[in-house]
Protein backbone atom coordinates (compact mmCIF):
# COMPACT_ATOMS: atom_id res chain seq x y z
CA UNK A 1 -3.28 31.55 -35.91
CA UNK A 2 -0.73 30.64 -33.56
CA UNK A 3 -1.58 27.96 -30.76
CA UNK A 4 -0.95 28.63 -26.75
CA UNK A 5 1.84 25.88 -25.61
CA UNK A 6 0.41 23.67 -23.24
CA UNK A 7 2.19 22.88 -19.62
CA UNK A 8 4.08 19.57 -19.47
CA UNK A 9 5.34 17.65 -16.05
CA UNK A 10 8.76 18.02 -15.69
CA UNK A 11 11.06 15.18 -17.75
CA UNK A 12 11.68 12.21 -15.62
CA UNK A 13 15.42 10.14 -16.27
CA UNK A 14 15.22 7.21 -17.28
CA UNK A 15 16.12 4.32 -15.25
CA UNK A 16 18.49 1.89 -16.21
CA UNK A 17 16.79 -1.20 -14.58
CA UNK A 18 13.35 -2.13 -13.77
CA UNK A 19 13.39 -4.22 -10.66
CA UNK A 20 10.85 -5.70 -8.20
CA UNK A 21 10.83 -6.42 -4.56
CA UNK A 22 13.17 -9.37 -4.15
CA UNK A 23 11.35 -12.35 -2.15
CA UNK A 24 14.36 -12.50 0.37
CA UNK A 25 14.62 -11.68 3.92
CA UNK A 26 14.98 -7.84 5.36
CA UNK A 27 16.83 -7.89 8.89
CA UNK A 28 16.86 -5.29 11.18
CA UNK A 29 17.54 -4.50 14.88
CA UNK A 30 13.82 -5.42 15.95
CA UNK A 31 12.41 -7.44 13.30
CA UNK A 32 13.26 -9.28 10.05
CA UNK A 33 10.93 -9.45 7.26
CA UNK A 34 10.77 -13.46 6.21
CA UNK A 35 9.28 -14.06 2.82
CA UNK A 36 6.14 -15.92 3.87
CA UNK A 37 6.32 -20.10 4.56
CA UNK A 38 3.00 -21.06 5.35
CA UNK A 39 4.49 -24.28 7.19
CA UNK A 40 6.78 -22.67 9.02
CA UNK A 41 4.67 -19.54 10.04
CA UNK A 42 0.88 -20.74 10.50
CA UNK A 43 0.70 -21.75 14.05
CA UNK A 44 2.43 -19.02 15.69
CA UNK A 45 0.31 -16.22 13.14
CA UNK A 46 -2.96 -18.00 14.06
CA UNK A 47 -2.29 -17.68 17.55
CA UNK A 48 -1.39 -14.17 18.03
CA UNK A 49 -4.00 -13.04 15.48
CA UNK A 50 -7.52 -15.11 16.06
CA UNK A 51 -9.34 -16.59 18.92
CA UNK A 52 -10.52 -13.42 21.20
CA UNK A 53 -12.32 -10.35 20.42
CA UNK A 54 -8.82 -8.25 20.93
CA UNK A 55 -7.17 -10.41 18.13
CA UNK A 56 -10.04 -10.86 15.60
CA UNK A 57 -10.84 -6.73 16.07
CA UNK A 58 -7.17 -7.22 13.92
CA UNK A 59 -8.83 -7.66 10.60
CA UNK A 60 -11.98 -5.27 10.98
CA UNK A 61 -10.66 -3.15 7.77
CA UNK A 62 -8.89 -5.80 5.70
CA UNK A 63 -10.80 -8.31 3.43
CA UNK A 64 -10.28 -11.51 5.00
CA UNK A 65 -10.04 -12.89 8.36
CA UNK A 66 -10.67 -13.28 11.26
CA UNK A 67 -10.80 -17.31 10.71
CA UNK A 68 -12.50 -19.56 12.87
CA UNK A 69 -9.85 -21.87 12.91
CA UNK A 70 -6.17 -22.78 11.82
CA UNK A 71 -7.44 -24.77 8.91
CA UNK A 72 -8.89 -22.02 7.26
CA UNK A 73 -5.94 -19.75 8.00
CA UNK A 74 -3.66 -22.26 6.59
CA UNK A 75 -5.83 -22.35 3.59
CA UNK A 76 -5.55 -18.85 3.06
CA UNK A 77 -1.63 -18.52 3.52
CA UNK A 78 -1.10 -21.70 1.17
CA UNK A 79 -2.77 -19.37 -1.46
CA UNK A 80 -1.24 -15.88 -1.40
CA UNK A 81 2.23 -17.39 -0.17
CA UNK A 82 3.10 -18.06 -3.90
CA UNK A 83 1.84 -14.56 -5.51
CA UNK A 84 4.39 -11.70 -6.92
CA UNK A 85 2.10 -8.82 -6.18
CA UNK A 86 1.02 -8.62 -3.37
CA UNK A 87 4.71 -10.24 -2.42
CA UNK A 88 3.75 -11.20 1.31
CA UNK A 89 6.32 -11.47 4.34
CA UNK A 90 5.92 -12.69 7.60
CA UNK A 91 7.11 -9.87 10.41
CA UNK A 92 9.17 -11.79 12.78
CA UNK A 93 10.42 -9.92 16.35
CA UNK A 94 13.58 -10.77 16.82
CA UNK A 95 13.54 -10.19 20.84
CA UNK A 96 10.88 -13.11 20.99
CA UNK A 97 11.97 -14.91 17.89
CA UNK A 98 8.53 -15.31 16.76
CA UNK A 99 6.04 -14.11 14.17
CA UNK A 100 3.63 -11.23 15.37
CA UNK A 101 2.39 -9.85 12.20
CA UNK A 102 2.42 -9.41 8.55
CA UNK A 103 3.29 -7.08 5.25
CA UNK A 104 3.34 -6.63 1.73
CA UNK A 105 4.59 -5.26 -1.27
CA UNK A 106 1.58 -4.81 -3.52
CA UNK A 107 0.19 -2.60 -6.80
CA UNK A 108 4.10 -2.86 -8.37
CA UNK A 109 4.66 -1.08 -11.47
CA UNK A 110 8.43 -1.46 -12.04
CA UNK A 111 7.98 1.16 -15.20
CA UNK A 112 6.36 3.67 -13.10
CA UNK A 113 8.76 2.95 -10.64
CA UNK A 114 6.13 3.03 -7.90
CA UNK A 115 4.13 0.43 -5.58
CA UNK A 116 2.00 0.06 -2.40
CA UNK A 117 2.65 -1.40 1.26
CA UNK A 118 -0.03 -2.58 2.36
CA UNK A 119 -1.75 -6.02 4.09
CA UNK A 120 -0.47 -4.86 7.37
CA UNK A 121 -1.36 -6.26 10.32
CA UNK A 122 0.26 -7.10 13.81
CA UNK A 123 -0.82 -8.68 16.96
CA UNK A 124 -2.01 -6.36 20.12
CA UNK A 125 1.22 -6.92 22.09
CA UNK A 126 2.97 -5.58 19.09
CA UNK A 127 1.10 -2.47 18.42
CA UNK A 128 2.26 0.76 19.36
CA UNK A 129 6.20 -0.84 19.95
CA UNK A 130 9.29 -0.17 17.39
CA UNK A 131 8.46 -3.35 15.28
CA UNK A 132 6.21 -1.39 12.54
CA UNK A 133 8.32 1.72 12.74
CA UNK A 134 10.98 -0.87 11.82
CA UNK A 135 9.03 -2.79 9.38
CA UNK A 136 8.13 0.24 7.31
CA UNK A 137 11.35 1.44 7.51
CA UNK A 138 13.04 -1.61 6.08
CA UNK A 139 10.29 -1.73 3.27
CA UNK A 140 11.18 1.81 2.42
CA UNK A 141 14.93 0.90 2.36
CA UNK A 142 14.24 -1.61 0.03
CA UNK A 143 11.77 0.84 -2.66
CA UNK A 144 13.75 3.92 -2.63
CA UNK A 145 17.48 2.38 -1.94
CA UNK A 146 17.82 -0.34 -3.79
CA UNK A 147 14.92 -0.54 -6.33
CA UNK A 148 15.14 3.31 -6.45
CA UNK A 149 11.37 4.20 -7.20
CA UNK A 150 9.77 7.26 -7.29
CA UNK A 151 6.49 7.04 -5.54
CA UNK A 152 5.48 4.70 -2.38
CA UNK A 153 1.70 4.65 -1.47
CA UNK A 154 -0.40 3.85 1.46
CA UNK A 155 -4.01 3.14 1.30
CA UNK A 156 -6.52 2.20 4.09
CA UNK A 157 -10.45 2.41 4.65
CA UNK A 158 -11.50 5.83 5.53
CA UNK A 159 -12.81 4.74 9.03
CA UNK A 160 -9.26 2.96 9.81
CA UNK A 161 -7.90 5.99 12.20
CA UNK A 162 -5.08 3.74 13.48
CA UNK A 163 -3.50 3.25 9.97
CA UNK A 164 -4.21 6.90 8.57
CA UNK A 165 -2.38 8.38 12.30
CA UNK A 166 0.29 5.44 11.07
CA UNK A 167 0.86 6.66 7.97
CA UNK A 168 1.03 10.13 8.64
CA UNK A 169 3.40 9.48 11.47
CA UNK A 170 5.87 7.82 9.06
CA UNK A 171 5.88 10.71 6.72
CA UNK A 172 3.30 10.17 4.12
CA UNK A 173 1.47 12.70 2.77
CA UNK A 174 -2.54 12.41 2.85
CA UNK A 175 -3.48 12.57 -1.09
CA UNK A 176 -7.37 12.67 -0.66
CA UNK A 177 -10.72 10.31 -0.64
CA UNK A 178 -11.34 7.76 -3.18
CA UNK A 179 -15.52 7.84 -2.79
CA UNK A 180 -17.30 4.25 -2.54
CA UNK A 181 -13.89 2.74 -3.48
CA UNK A 182 -14.85 -0.85 -2.69
CA UNK A 183 -17.39 -3.16 -0.85
CA UNK A 184 -15.14 -5.11 2.04
CA UNK A 185 -17.31 -7.68 3.62
CA UNK A 186 -20.90 -6.00 2.33
CA UNK A 187 -20.33 -2.92 3.72
CA UNK A 188 -19.04 0.45 2.13
CA UNK A 189 -15.37 1.43 1.57
CA UNK A 190 -14.34 4.83 1.21
CA UNK A 191 -10.43 4.72 0.71
CA UNK A 192 -7.88 7.06 1.88
CA UNK A 193 -4.76 7.61 -0.29
CA UNK A 194 -1.10 8.42 1.22
CA UNK A 195 2.28 8.90 -0.54
CA UNK A 196 6.04 9.14 0.04
CA UNK A 197 7.98 9.91 -2.73
CA UNK A 198 11.73 9.74 -3.64
CA UNK A 199 12.61 13.06 -2.98
CA UNK A 200 10.95 13.10 0.35
CA UNK A 201 12.95 9.93 1.32
CA UNK A 202 15.96 11.56 2.80
CA UNK A 203 15.07 13.76 5.63
CA UNK A 204 12.22 11.20 6.79
CA UNK A 205 14.77 7.93 6.55
CA UNK A 206 17.20 10.28 8.74
CA UNK A 207 14.54 10.88 11.47
CA UNK A 208 13.51 7.18 11.54
CA UNK A 209 16.88 6.43 11.96
CA UNK A 210 17.39 8.54 14.86
CA UNK A 211 13.71 7.28 16.26
CA UNK A 212 14.63 3.57 15.71
CA UNK A 213 18.66 3.35 16.36
CA UNK A 214 19.72 6.84 18.01
CA UNK A 215 17.19 8.38 20.29
CA UNK A 216 16.62 7.13 24.23
CA UNK A 217 12.65 5.31 23.74
CA UNK A 218 9.91 8.28 24.04
CA UNK A 219 12.53 10.84 23.79
CA UNK A 220 10.98 12.09 20.53
CA UNK A 221 7.95 11.85 18.74
CA UNK A 222 8.64 10.69 15.08
CA UNK A 223 4.99 12.07 13.93
CA UNK A 224 6.29 15.75 15.33
CA UNK A 225 9.27 15.14 13.18
CA UNK A 226 7.20 14.32 10.10
CA UNK A 227 4.74 17.54 10.41
CA UNK A 228 7.24 19.98 10.25
């Protein structure tokens, strides 16, 4: 009797180190990602994200928020600040010198060299600016360049059209839909999954740096670059 050889995946070179994202500031031209410190960040994070319909809608697709008062948001920030996964950062607008949102690394799997970017939100005035692009650029540099991870994920509510558009614009590839994946605030959530791989990063990095630092504002489309 002869046996048919079964297909196998490509061999993966071992990595000498299995590091995790650092709880350390990452500075760009437009933003600094500062490790979350509730005592320092609470007042301005609350003011930019709560208090009227536009700001309250920031929390629509997240499992927390909006917060009825600053004490409630403070309790939440104090709960999440010590965590290593998710590892939360405050996004500081360098020009305004004030917090305008939050991001995190999560689902961190050093042995698989994979992680996710998530818990991302920005104040209305910071949306559709260079802030999100550079914040994600800094996180991708940490993930692929320093940590040498193989895969970075982006997940969102399938109904969150803004997040889905952002993922594609930034160079992530749509992988599929996890149906009835979660229950969030008493409602069904289908989850859209996206990813970026280490072999894709060098070209995406070049596009992002051109858009952020070399092109005239509005002269080129990052989405057009990443859809080529």
